């Protein structure tokens, strides 16, 4: 009987991306890498290998790792801004809406830990963002400033410099978010409870 030829091993096909979707695929792969291995493990070459694309294709969209991280941060800030606006609008834009923004901030951090660590990990500088996308971080912060100004106009918040008040509030809520991300508040309920408590104390301190 003739001998059967050994079958060739099936080569695993690299992940494919649809034409025009490479920047989005790179962002998603970067976020997955950061979530699993941390920012230090992220490289453009590694992203390209996992996506099955050439270095040339990668560099058409991002000049280096820093540019890719800046894009991750920009996406995070845009998502955060949308969450803050929605929380404020849904809450009625008064005290309840203001408190809802604090809860939404912490929930965003817990739901998007990779984005959050890039946004506030000191690896992305303001000048790293592409000129065409503006400054998403400043846009997100401005939502808080605008909410404070509105409450000042309604006699709910003292008349201090609104940007300084915004920095003060952000520092407190950011601290709650980092405690949650670092496992010091192991359940979402604990994070929610702490940020609501912080909101009450903040409101007492900045009330008119």
N, C-alpha and C. Protein backbone atom coordinates (compact mmCIF):
# COMPACT_ATOMS: atom_id res chain seq x y z
N UNK A 1 0.84 -1.19 0.00
CA UNK A 1 0.00 0.00 0.00
C UNK A 1 0.88 1.25 0.00
N UNK A 2 0.47 2.26 -0.78
CA UNK A 2 1.29 3.48 -0.80
C UNK A 2 1.21 4.21 0.54
N UNK A 3 2.32 4.74 0.92
CA UNK A 3 2.34 5.48 2.18
C UNK A 3 1.61 6.82 2.02
N UNK A 4 0.84 7.14 3.03
CA UNK A 4 0.15 8.43 3.01
C UNK A 4 1.12 9.53 3.39
N UNK A 5 1.02 10.62 2.67
CA UNK A 5 1.91 11.74 2.97
C UNK A 5 1.50 12.41 4.28
N UNK A 6 2.50 12.75 5.07
CA UNK A 6 2.15 13.45 6.34
C UNK A 6 1.50 14.79 6.05
N UNK A 7 0.50 15.07 6.79
CA UNK A 7 -0.20 16.34 6.61
C UNK A 7 0.66 17.49 7.12
N UNK A 8 0.63 18.58 6.34
CA UNK A 8 1.36 19.76 6.78
C UNK A 8 0.65 20.40 7.96
N UNK A 9 1.40 20.89 8.94
CA UNK A 9 0.75 21.56 10.09
C UNK A 9 -0.01 22.79 9.63
N UNK A 10 -1.16 22.97 10.20
CA UNK A 10 -1.98 24.11 9.86
C UNK A 10 -1.41 25.34 10.56
N UNK A 11 -1.05 26.33 9.76
CA UNK A 11 -0.51 27.56 10.34
C UNK A 11 -1.64 28.42 10.86
N UNK A 12 -1.43 28.93 12.05
CA UNK A 12 -2.44 29.81 12.64
C UNK A 12 -2.44 31.13 11.90
N UNK A 13 -3.58 31.52 11.40
CA UNK A 13 -3.70 32.76 10.66
C UNK A 13 -3.70 33.95 11.61
N UNK A 14 -2.96 35.00 11.28
CA UNK A 14 -2.98 36.18 12.14
C UNK A 14 -4.35 36.84 12.11
N UNK A 15 -4.66 37.54 13.16
CA UNK A 15 -5.92 38.27 13.23
C UNK A 15 -5.98 39.29 12.09
N UNK A 16 -7.09 39.35 11.41
CA UNK A 16 -7.25 40.28 10.30
C UNK A 16 -8.06 41.47 10.73
N UNK A 17 -7.85 42.57 10.07
CA UNK A 17 -8.64 43.75 10.33
C UNK A 17 -9.30 44.19 9.03
N UNK A 18 -10.44 44.80 9.13
CA UNK A 18 -11.13 45.29 7.95
C UNK A 18 -10.45 46.57 7.46
N UNK A 19 -10.46 46.75 6.17
CA UNK A 19 -9.83 47.92 5.58
C UNK A 19 -10.39 49.20 6.22
N UNK A 20 -9.47 50.05 6.65
CA UNK A 20 -9.89 51.30 7.27
C UNK A 20 -10.06 51.22 8.77
N UNK A 21 -9.96 50.03 9.35
CA UNK A 21 -10.17 49.86 10.79
C UNK A 21 -8.88 49.70 11.57
N UNK A 22 -7.74 49.83 10.94
CA UNK A 22 -6.48 49.56 11.64
C UNK A 22 -6.25 50.46 12.85
N UNK A 23 -6.45 51.78 12.79
CA UNK A 23 -6.24 52.59 13.99
C UNK A 23 -7.11 52.13 15.16
N UNK A 24 -8.36 51.79 14.90
CA UNK A 24 -9.25 51.30 15.95
C UNK A 24 -8.75 49.96 16.49
N UNK A 25 -8.32 49.08 15.59
CA UNK A 25 -7.80 47.78 16.03
C UNK A 25 -6.55 47.95 16.88
N UNK A 26 -5.70 48.89 16.52
CA UNK A 26 -4.49 49.14 17.29
C UNK A 26 -4.82 49.66 18.68
N UNK A 27 -5.78 50.57 18.77
CA UNK A 27 -6.20 51.07 20.07
C UNK A 27 -6.72 49.94 20.95
N UNK A 28 -7.57 49.11 20.39
CA UNK A 28 -8.16 48.01 21.16
C UNK A 28 -7.09 47.03 21.63
N UNK A 29 -6.13 46.74 20.74
CA UNK A 29 -5.05 45.81 21.11
C UNK A 29 -4.15 46.43 22.18
N UNK A 30 -3.91 47.73 22.08
CA UNK A 30 -3.10 48.41 23.10
C UNK A 30 -3.78 48.33 24.46
N UNK A 31 -5.08 48.56 24.49
CA UNK A 31 -5.83 48.51 25.75
C UNK A 31 -5.78 47.10 26.34
N UNK A 32 -5.92 46.08 25.48
CA UNK A 32 -5.86 44.69 25.96
C UNK A 32 -4.48 44.39 26.55
N UNK A 33 -3.45 44.86 25.88
CA UNK A 33 -2.09 44.60 26.36
C UNK A 33 -1.84 45.27 27.71
N UNK A 34 -2.26 46.52 27.83
CA UNK A 34 -2.07 47.25 29.09
C UNK A 34 -2.84 46.57 30.21
N UNK A 35 -4.05 46.14 29.92
CA UNK A 35 -4.87 45.49 30.95
C UNK A 35 -4.23 44.19 31.44
N UNK A 36 -3.63 43.45 30.53
CA UNK A 36 -3.08 42.13 30.87
C UNK A 36 -1.64 42.20 31.38
N UNK A 37 -0.83 43.04 30.76
CA UNK A 37 0.61 43.01 31.05
C UNK A 37 1.18 44.34 31.55
N UNK A 38 0.39 45.43 31.49
CA UNK A 38 0.89 46.72 31.92
C UNK A 38 1.45 47.54 30.76
N UNK A 39 1.62 48.84 31.00
CA UNK A 39 2.09 49.75 29.95
C UNK A 39 3.50 49.43 29.48
N UNK A 40 4.35 48.92 30.37
CA UNK A 40 5.73 48.65 29.99
C UNK A 40 5.82 47.58 28.91
N UNK A 41 4.83 46.70 28.84
CA UNK A 41 4.85 45.61 27.86
C UNK A 41 4.34 46.03 26.49
N UNK A 42 3.80 47.23 26.37
CA UNK A 42 3.22 47.67 25.10
C UNK A 42 4.31 48.13 24.14
N UNK A 43 4.32 47.56 22.94
CA UNK A 43 5.20 48.00 21.86
C UNK A 43 4.42 47.98 20.56
N UNK A 44 4.81 48.84 19.63
CA UNK A 44 4.16 48.84 18.32
C UNK A 44 4.40 47.52 17.61
N UNK A 45 5.60 46.97 17.74
CA UNK A 45 5.89 45.70 17.09
C UNK A 45 4.98 44.59 17.62
N UNK A 46 4.79 44.55 18.94
CA UNK A 46 3.92 43.54 19.51
C UNK A 46 2.48 43.70 19.05
N UNK A 47 2.02 44.93 18.99
CA UNK A 47 0.66 45.19 18.50
C UNK A 47 0.53 44.70 17.06
N UNK A 48 1.54 45.00 16.23
CA UNK A 48 1.50 44.58 14.83
C UNK A 48 1.49 43.07 14.68
N UNK A 49 2.29 42.38 15.48
CA UNK A 49 2.33 40.92 15.40
C UNK A 49 0.99 40.30 15.77
N UNK A 50 0.38 40.84 16.80
CA UNK A 50 -0.91 40.27 17.22
C UNK A 50 -2.03 40.59 16.24
N UNK A 51 -1.89 41.69 15.52
CA UNK A 51 -2.91 42.06 14.53
C UNK A 51 -2.62 41.48 13.15
N UNK A 52 -1.38 40.98 12.96
CA UNK A 52 -1.02 40.42 11.67
C UNK A 52 -0.80 41.46 10.60
N UNK A 53 -0.20 42.60 10.96
CA UNK A 53 0.05 43.66 9.99
C UNK A 53 1.53 44.05 10.05
N UNK A 54 1.98 44.69 9.01
CA UNK A 54 3.39 45.07 8.91
C UNK A 54 3.70 46.32 9.72
N UNK A 55 4.98 46.52 9.97
CA UNK A 55 5.41 47.73 10.68
C UNK A 55 5.06 48.98 9.87
N UNK A 56 5.21 48.86 8.55
CA UNK A 56 4.91 50.01 7.69
C UNK A 56 3.48 50.46 7.87
N UNK A 57 2.56 49.49 7.93
CA UNK A 57 1.14 49.83 8.12
C UNK A 57 0.92 50.50 9.47
N UNK A 58 1.62 50.03 10.51
CA UNK A 58 1.46 50.60 11.84
C UNK A 58 1.91 52.06 11.85
N UNK A 59 3.09 52.31 11.27
CA UNK A 59 3.68 53.64 11.36
C UNK A 59 2.94 54.67 10.50
N UNK A 60 2.06 54.21 9.63
CA UNK A 60 1.24 55.16 8.89
C UNK A 60 0.27 55.89 9.83
N UNK A 61 -0.06 55.24 10.95
CA UNK A 61 -1.08 55.78 11.86
C UNK A 61 -0.48 56.33 13.15
N UNK A 62 0.57 55.68 13.66
CA UNK A 62 1.19 56.11 14.92
C UNK A 62 2.71 56.07 14.77
N UNK A 63 3.34 57.21 15.05
CA UNK A 63 4.78 57.31 14.85
C UNK A 63 5.57 56.43 15.82
N UNK A 64 5.05 56.28 17.03
CA UNK A 64 5.75 55.50 18.05
C UNK A 64 4.77 55.11 19.15
N UNK A 65 5.30 54.45 20.16
CA UNK A 65 4.48 54.00 21.28
C UNK A 65 3.82 55.18 21.99
N UNK A 66 4.54 56.29 22.11
CA UNK A 66 4.00 57.45 22.80
C UNK A 66 2.75 57.97 22.09
N UNK A 67 2.79 57.97 20.77
CA UNK A 67 1.63 58.44 20.01
C UNK A 67 0.44 57.51 20.21
N UNK A 68 0.69 56.21 20.29
CA UNK A 68 -0.38 55.26 20.52
C UNK A 68 -0.98 55.44 21.91
N UNK A 69 -0.13 55.65 22.91
CA UNK A 69 -0.61 55.90 24.27
C UNK A 69 -1.43 57.19 24.33
N UNK A 70 -0.99 58.21 23.60
CA UNK A 70 -1.73 59.47 23.57
C UNK A 70 -3.12 59.26 22.98
N UNK A 71 -3.22 58.38 21.99
CA UNK A 71 -4.53 58.09 21.39
C UNK A 71 -5.42 57.32 22.37
N UNK A 72 -4.82 56.42 23.14
CA UNK A 72 -5.59 55.70 24.17
C UNK A 72 -6.13 56.70 25.20
N UNK A 73 -5.27 57.62 25.64
CA UNK A 73 -5.69 58.62 26.63
C UNK A 73 -6.79 59.51 26.06
N UNK A 74 -6.63 59.94 24.80
CA UNK A 74 -7.63 60.81 24.19
C UNK A 74 -8.99 60.12 24.11
N UNK A 75 -8.98 58.84 23.74
CA UNK A 75 -10.24 58.09 23.70
C UNK A 75 -10.86 58.00 25.09
N UNK A 76 -10.02 57.78 26.10
CA UNK A 76 -10.52 57.72 27.46
C UNK A 76 -11.14 59.03 27.92
N UNK A 77 -10.48 60.13 27.62
CA UNK A 77 -11.02 61.44 28.03
C UNK A 77 -12.33 61.75 27.33
N UNK A 78 -12.45 61.38 26.06
CA UNK A 78 -13.71 61.61 25.36
C UNK A 78 -14.84 60.80 25.98
N UNK A 79 -14.53 59.56 26.33
CA UNK A 79 -15.54 58.70 26.96
C UNK A 79 -15.92 59.23 28.33
N UNK A 80 -14.92 59.68 29.09
CA UNK A 80 -15.17 60.24 30.41
C UNK A 80 -16.03 61.49 30.30
N UNK A 81 -15.70 62.37 29.36
CA UNK A 81 -16.48 63.59 29.19
C UNK A 81 -17.94 63.27 28.90
N UNK A 82 -18.17 62.31 28.02
CA UNK A 82 -19.55 61.93 27.68
C UNK A 82 -20.28 61.39 28.91
N UNK A 83 -19.58 60.61 29.73
CA UNK A 83 -20.20 60.04 30.94
C UNK A 83 -20.55 61.14 31.94
N UNK A 84 -19.67 62.13 32.09
CA UNK A 84 -19.93 63.23 33.02
C UNK A 84 -21.11 64.08 32.55
N UNK A 85 -21.15 64.38 31.26
CA UNK A 85 -22.24 65.19 30.72
C UNK A 85 -23.57 64.46 30.90
N UNK A 86 -23.58 63.17 30.58
CA UNK A 86 -24.82 62.40 30.71
C UNK A 86 -25.28 62.35 32.17
N UNK A 87 -24.35 62.14 33.10
CA UNK A 87 -24.70 62.07 34.52
C UNK A 87 -25.28 63.40 35.00
N UNK A 88 -24.64 64.50 34.61
CA UNK A 88 -25.13 65.81 35.02
C UNK A 88 -26.49 66.12 34.46
N UNK A 89 -26.71 65.79 33.19
CA UNK A 89 -28.00 66.06 32.56
C UNK A 89 -29.10 65.19 33.14
N UNK A 90 -28.79 63.90 33.34
CA UNK A 90 -29.79 62.98 33.87
C UNK A 90 -30.17 63.34 35.30
N UNK A 91 -29.19 63.84 36.06
CA UNK A 91 -29.44 64.20 37.46
C UNK A 91 -30.13 65.53 37.65
N UNK A 92 -30.36 66.26 36.56
CA UNK A 92 -31.09 67.51 36.67
C UNK A 92 -30.23 68.75 36.80
N UNK A 93 -28.90 68.59 36.72
CA UNK A 93 -27.96 69.70 36.69
C UNK A 93 -27.92 70.52 37.99
N UNK A 94 -28.61 70.08 39.03
CA UNK A 94 -28.51 70.72 40.33
C UNK A 94 -27.56 69.94 41.21
N UNK A 95 -27.85 69.91 42.52
CA UNK A 95 -26.99 69.16 43.44
C UNK A 95 -26.95 67.68 43.08
N UNK A 96 -28.12 67.11 42.74
CA UNK A 96 -28.17 65.68 42.42
C UNK A 96 -27.34 65.37 41.18
N UNK A 97 -27.44 66.23 40.18
CA UNK A 97 -26.65 66.02 38.99
C UNK A 97 -25.16 66.14 39.26
N UNK A 98 -24.79 67.07 40.12
CA UNK A 98 -23.40 67.28 40.48
C UNK A 98 -22.85 66.04 41.20
N UNK A 99 -23.64 65.49 42.11
CA UNK A 99 -23.24 64.28 42.82
C UNK A 99 -23.13 63.10 41.85
N UNK A 100 -24.05 63.04 40.90
CA UNK A 100 -24.04 61.95 39.93
C UNK A 100 -22.78 61.97 39.08
N UNK A 101 -22.24 63.16 38.83
CA UNK A 101 -21.00 63.26 38.07
C UNK A 101 -19.84 62.62 38.82
N UNK A 102 -19.81 62.79 40.14
CA UNK A 102 -18.75 62.16 40.93
C UNK A 102 -18.84 60.64 40.87
N UNK A 103 -20.05 60.12 40.97
CA UNK A 103 -20.24 58.66 40.89
C UNK A 103 -19.85 58.17 39.50
N UNK A 104 -20.27 58.91 38.47
CA UNK A 104 -19.95 58.52 37.09
C UNK A 104 -18.44 58.49 36.86
N UNK A 105 -17.72 59.41 37.47
CA UNK A 105 -16.27 59.47 37.31
C UNK A 105 -15.62 58.19 37.83
N UNK A 106 -16.00 57.79 39.04
CA UNK A 106 -15.40 56.59 39.62
C UNK A 106 -15.82 55.35 38.84
N UNK A 107 -17.05 55.30 38.43
CA UNK A 107 -17.52 54.15 37.65
C UNK A 107 -16.78 54.04 36.32
N UNK A 108 -16.48 55.19 35.71
CA UNK A 108 -15.69 55.17 34.48
C UNK A 108 -14.32 54.55 34.74
N UNK A 109 -13.66 54.98 35.81
CA UNK A 109 -12.33 54.46 36.13
C UNK A 109 -12.35 52.95 36.34
N UNK A 110 -13.36 52.47 37.03
CA UNK A 110 -13.47 51.03 37.31
C UNK A 110 -13.76 50.25 36.03
N UNK A 111 -14.58 50.82 35.16
CA UNK A 111 -14.96 50.14 33.92
C UNK A 111 -13.87 50.20 32.85
N UNK A 112 -13.00 51.21 32.93
CA UNK A 112 -11.96 51.39 31.91
C UNK A 112 -10.60 51.58 32.58
N UNK A 113 -10.12 50.59 33.32
CA UNK A 113 -8.89 50.78 34.09
C UNK A 113 -7.65 51.05 33.22
N UNK A 114 -7.56 50.41 32.05
CA UNK A 114 -6.39 50.63 31.19
C UNK A 114 -6.36 52.07 30.68
N UNK A 115 -7.50 52.54 30.21
CA UNK A 115 -7.57 53.94 29.78
C UNK A 115 -7.20 54.87 30.93
N UNK A 116 -7.76 54.60 32.09
CA UNK A 116 -7.59 55.51 33.23
C UNK A 116 -6.12 55.61 33.64
N UNK A 117 -5.44 54.49 33.66
CA UNK A 117 -4.03 54.51 34.07
C UNK A 117 -3.17 55.25 33.04
N UNK A 118 -3.51 55.14 31.78
CA UNK A 118 -2.77 55.90 30.77
C UNK A 118 -3.09 57.39 30.89
N UNK A 119 -4.36 57.71 31.11
CA UNK A 119 -4.79 59.11 31.21
C UNK A 119 -4.08 59.85 32.33
N UNK A 120 -3.89 59.16 33.47
CA UNK A 120 -3.37 59.84 34.66
C UNK A 120 -2.10 59.21 35.21
N UNK A 121 -1.43 58.41 34.39
CA UNK A 121 -0.22 57.73 34.84
C UNK A 121 1.06 58.50 34.61
N UNK A 122 0.96 59.72 34.07
CA UNK A 122 2.15 60.54 33.85
C UNK A 122 2.95 60.17 32.63
N UNK A 123 2.42 59.28 31.77
CA UNK A 123 3.17 58.87 30.58
C UNK A 123 2.79 59.69 29.35
N UNK A 124 1.65 60.39 29.42
CA UNK A 124 1.18 61.19 28.29
C UNK A 124 1.24 62.66 28.67
N UNK A 125 1.88 63.45 27.84
CA UNK A 125 2.01 64.88 28.07
C UNK A 125 0.99 65.62 27.21
N UNK A 126 0.59 66.84 27.61
CA UNK A 126 -0.40 67.59 26.82
C UNK A 126 -0.02 67.73 25.35
N UNK A 127 1.26 67.89 25.05
CA UNK A 127 1.69 68.07 23.67
C UNK A 127 1.68 66.81 22.83
N UNK A 128 1.40 65.64 23.44
CA UNK A 128 1.42 64.39 22.70
C UNK A 128 0.16 64.21 21.85
N UNK A 129 -0.91 64.89 22.20
CA UNK A 129 -2.16 64.71 21.46
C UNK A 129 -2.03 65.29 20.06
N UNK A 130 -2.71 64.66 19.11
CA UNK A 130 -2.71 65.16 17.74
C UNK A 130 -3.45 66.49 17.67
N UNK A 131 -2.94 67.45 16.90
CA UNK A 131 -3.59 68.77 16.84
C UNK A 131 -5.05 68.70 16.42
N UNK A 132 -5.38 67.73 15.54
CA UNK A 132 -6.75 67.68 15.03
C UNK A 132 -7.76 67.22 16.07
N UNK A 133 -7.29 66.59 17.15
CA UNK A 133 -8.23 66.13 18.18
C UNK A 133 -8.32 67.12 19.34
N UNK A 134 -7.53 68.21 19.29
CA UNK A 134 -7.59 69.19 20.36
C UNK A 134 -6.99 68.66 21.65
N UNK A 135 -7.59 69.02 22.77
CA UNK A 135 -7.13 68.58 24.08
C UNK A 135 -8.29 67.91 24.81
N UNK A 136 -8.52 66.61 24.59
CA UNK A 136 -9.66 65.94 25.22
C UNK A 136 -9.63 65.98 26.74
N UNK A 137 -8.42 66.00 27.34
CA UNK A 137 -8.33 66.08 28.79
C UNK A 137 -8.87 67.39 29.32
N UNK A 138 -8.50 68.49 28.66
CA UNK A 138 -9.02 69.80 29.06
C UNK A 138 -10.52 69.89 28.84
N UNK A 139 -11.01 69.25 27.77
CA UNK A 139 -12.46 69.26 27.50
C UNK A 139 -13.22 68.55 28.61
N UNK A 140 -12.68 67.42 29.08
CA UNK A 140 -13.34 66.68 30.15
C UNK A 140 -13.33 67.48 31.45
N UNK A 141 -12.20 68.11 31.75
CA UNK A 141 -12.10 68.92 32.97
C UNK A 141 -13.05 70.12 32.92
N UNK A 142 -13.24 70.67 31.72
CA UNK A 142 -14.10 71.83 31.57
C UNK A 142 -15.55 71.52 31.92
N UNK A 143 -15.96 70.27 31.74
CA UNK A 143 -17.32 69.88 32.13
C UNK A 143 -17.53 70.13 33.62
N UNK A 144 -16.54 69.78 34.43
CA UNK A 144 -16.62 70.01 35.87
C UNK A 144 -16.61 71.51 36.18
N UNK A 145 -15.73 72.25 35.51
CA UNK A 145 -15.68 73.70 35.73
C UNK A 145 -17.02 74.34 35.39
N UNK A 146 -17.60 73.97 34.27
CA UNK A 146 -18.87 74.55 33.85
C UNK A 146 -19.99 74.22 34.85
N UNK A 147 -19.96 73.00 35.38
CA UNK A 147 -20.98 72.62 36.37
C UNK A 147 -20.84 73.45 37.64
N UNK A 148 -19.61 73.74 38.04
CA UNK A 148 -19.39 74.57 39.22
C UNK A 148 -19.88 76.00 38.97
N UNK A 149 -19.55 76.54 37.82
CA UNK A 149 -20.00 77.90 37.48
C UNK A 149 -21.52 77.98 37.50
N UNK A 150 -22.18 76.98 36.95
CA UNK A 150 -23.63 76.97 36.93
C UNK A 150 -24.19 76.94 38.35
N UNK A 151 -23.58 76.16 39.22
CA UNK A 151 -24.06 76.09 40.60
C UNK A 151 -23.75 77.39 41.35
N UNK A 152 -22.65 78.05 41.02
CA UNK A 152 -22.37 79.35 41.61
C UNK A 152 -23.43 80.37 41.20
N UNK A 153 -23.82 80.34 39.95
CA UNK A 153 -24.84 81.26 39.45
C UNK A 153 -26.20 81.01 40.10
N UNK A 154 -26.43 79.77 40.51
CA UNK A 154 -27.68 79.42 41.18
C UNK A 154 -27.61 79.55 42.69
N UNK A 155 -26.49 80.07 43.19
CA UNK A 155 -26.34 80.28 44.63
C UNK A 155 -26.12 79.04 45.45
N UNK A 156 -25.65 77.96 44.80
CA UNK A 156 -25.47 76.69 45.50
C UNK A 156 -24.02 76.47 45.95
N UNK A 157 -23.09 77.16 45.31
CA UNK A 157 -21.66 76.95 45.59
C UNK A 157 -21.01 78.31 45.83
N UNK A 158 -20.08 78.33 46.76
CA UNK A 158 -19.40 79.58 47.11
C UNK A 158 -18.65 80.13 45.90
N UNK A 159 -18.36 81.42 45.95
CA UNK A 159 -17.82 82.12 44.78
C UNK A 159 -16.32 82.07 44.63
N UNK A 160 -15.66 80.99 45.03
CA UNK A 160 -14.22 80.85 44.82
C UNK A 160 -13.92 80.66 43.33
N UNK A 161 -12.65 80.72 42.99
CA UNK A 161 -12.23 80.48 41.61
C UNK A 161 -12.73 79.10 41.18
N UNK A 162 -13.57 79.02 40.13
CA UNK A 162 -14.16 77.73 39.76
C UNK A 162 -13.14 76.68 39.35
N UNK A 163 -12.05 77.09 38.73
CA UNK A 163 -11.03 76.12 38.34
C UNK A 163 -10.32 75.54 39.57
N UNK A 164 -10.10 76.39 40.57
CA UNK A 164 -9.47 75.89 41.79
C UNK A 164 -10.42 74.93 42.52
N UNK A 165 -11.70 75.28 42.55
CA UNK A 165 -12.69 74.38 43.14
C UNK A 165 -12.73 73.06 42.38
N UNK A 166 -12.66 73.15 41.05
CA UNK A 166 -12.69 71.93 40.23
C UNK A 166 -11.49 71.04 40.53
N UNK A 167 -10.31 71.64 40.69
CA UNK A 167 -9.11 70.85 41.04
C UNK A 167 -9.27 70.18 42.39
N UNK A 168 -9.84 70.90 43.33
CA UNK A 168 -10.06 70.34 44.67
C UNK A 168 -11.01 69.15 44.61
N UNK A 169 -12.11 69.31 43.92
CA UNK A 169 -13.09 68.23 43.81
C UNK A 169 -12.50 67.04 43.05
N UNK A 170 -11.81 67.35 41.96
CA UNK A 170 -11.23 66.27 41.16
C UNK A 170 -10.21 65.47 41.98
N UNK A 171 -9.40 66.15 42.79
CA UNK A 171 -8.38 65.44 43.57
C UNK A 171 -9.01 64.45 44.53
N UNK A 172 -10.15 64.81 45.10
CA UNK A 172 -10.82 63.90 46.04
C UNK A 172 -11.41 62.70 45.30
N UNK A 173 -12.14 62.97 44.22
CA UNK A 173 -12.79 61.88 43.49
C UNK A 173 -11.75 60.99 42.80
N UNK A 174 -10.68 61.60 42.32
CA UNK A 174 -9.59 60.83 41.71
C UNK A 174 -8.98 59.88 42.74
N UNK A 175 -8.85 60.33 43.97
CA UNK A 175 -8.33 59.46 45.03
C UNK A 175 -9.21 58.25 45.25
N UNK A 176 -10.52 58.45 45.23
CA UNK A 176 -11.44 57.32 45.38
C UNK A 176 -11.26 56.36 44.21
N UNK A 177 -11.15 56.91 43.00
CA UNK A 177 -10.99 56.06 41.81
C UNK A 177 -9.72 55.22 41.90
N UNK A 178 -8.62 55.81 42.35
CA UNK A 178 -7.37 55.06 42.45
C UNK A 178 -7.43 53.99 43.52
N UNK A 179 -8.10 54.27 44.63
CA UNK A 179 -8.29 53.23 45.65
C UNK A 179 -9.04 52.04 45.07
N UNK A 180 -10.06 52.33 44.26
CA UNK A 180 -10.84 51.25 43.64
C UNK A 180 -9.97 50.46 42.66
N UNK A 181 -9.18 51.15 41.83
CA UNK A 181 -8.35 50.46 40.85
C UNK A 181 -7.25 49.63 41.49
N UNK A 182 -6.74 50.10 42.61
CA UNK A 182 -5.64 49.39 43.28
C UNK A 182 -6.13 48.30 44.22
N UNK A 183 -7.44 48.01 44.19
CA UNK A 183 -7.97 46.91 44.98
C UNK A 183 -8.23 47.22 46.43
N UNK A 184 -8.14 48.50 46.82
CA UNK A 184 -8.40 48.86 48.20
C UNK A 184 -9.90 48.95 48.48
N UNK A 185 -10.68 49.08 47.41
CA UNK A 185 -12.14 49.05 47.51
C UNK A 185 -12.59 47.93 46.58
N UNK A 186 -12.57 46.70 47.06
CA UNK A 186 -12.70 45.54 46.17
C UNK A 186 -14.05 45.37 45.49
N UNK A 187 -15.08 46.07 45.92
CA UNK A 187 -16.37 45.90 45.27
C UNK A 187 -16.89 47.24 44.76
N UNK A 188 -17.62 47.22 43.63
CA UNK A 188 -18.20 48.46 43.11
C UNK A 188 -19.09 49.16 44.12
N UNK A 189 -19.78 48.40 44.97
CA UNK A 189 -20.65 49.00 45.98
C UNK A 189 -19.85 49.84 46.97
N UNK A 190 -18.66 49.36 47.35
CA UNK A 190 -17.82 50.12 48.27
C UNK A 190 -17.34 51.42 47.64
N UNK A 191 -16.96 51.34 46.35
CA UNK A 191 -16.53 52.54 45.65
C UNK A 191 -17.65 53.56 45.54
N UNK A 192 -18.85 53.08 45.21
CA UNK A 192 -20.01 53.97 45.12
C UNK A 192 -20.30 54.63 46.46
N UNK A 193 -20.25 53.83 47.53
CA UNK A 193 -20.55 54.35 48.86
C UNK A 193 -19.54 55.42 49.27
N UNK A 194 -18.26 55.18 48.97
CA UNK A 194 -17.23 56.14 49.37
C UNK A 194 -17.34 57.43 48.58
N UNK A 195 -17.60 57.34 47.28
CA UNK A 195 -17.69 58.57 46.49
C UNK A 195 -18.93 59.36 46.86
N UNK A 196 -20.01 58.68 47.24
CA UNK A 196 -21.22 59.40 47.69
C UNK A 196 -20.94 60.11 49.02
N UNK A 197 -20.21 59.45 49.91
CA UNK A 197 -19.82 60.07 51.17
C UNK A 197 -18.93 61.28 50.90
N UNK A 198 -17.98 61.12 49.97
CA UNK A 198 -17.09 62.23 49.62
C UNK A 198 -17.89 63.39 49.03
N UNK A 199 -18.90 63.07 48.21
CA UNK A 199 -19.74 64.12 47.64
C UNK A 199 -20.43 64.94 48.73
N UNK A 200 -20.94 64.25 49.74
CA UNK A 200 -21.62 64.95 50.83
C UNK A 200 -20.68 65.90 51.55
N UNK A 201 -19.47 65.43 51.83
CA UNK A 201 -18.51 66.27 52.54
C UNK A 201 -18.01 67.42 51.64
N UNK A 202 -17.83 67.13 50.37
CA UNK A 202 -17.43 68.19 49.45
C UNK A 202 -18.50 69.26 49.36
N UNK A 203 -19.75 68.84 49.29
CA UNK A 203 -20.85 69.79 49.16
C UNK A 203 -20.91 70.70 50.40
N UNK A 204 -20.66 70.12 51.57
CA UNK A 204 -20.64 70.92 52.79
C UNK A 204 -19.54 71.97 52.73
N UNK A 205 -18.38 71.56 52.20
CA UNK A 205 -17.24 72.47 52.18
C UNK A 205 -17.34 73.58 51.14
N UNK A 206 -18.06 73.35 50.04
CA UNK A 206 -18.10 74.37 48.99
C UNK A 206 -19.45 75.07 48.90
N UNK A 207 -20.37 74.71 49.81
CA UNK A 207 -21.72 75.31 49.75
C UNK A 207 -21.65 76.80 50.03
N UNK A 208 -22.57 77.54 49.41
CA UNK A 208 -22.69 78.97 49.61
C UNK A 208 -23.17 79.29 51.02
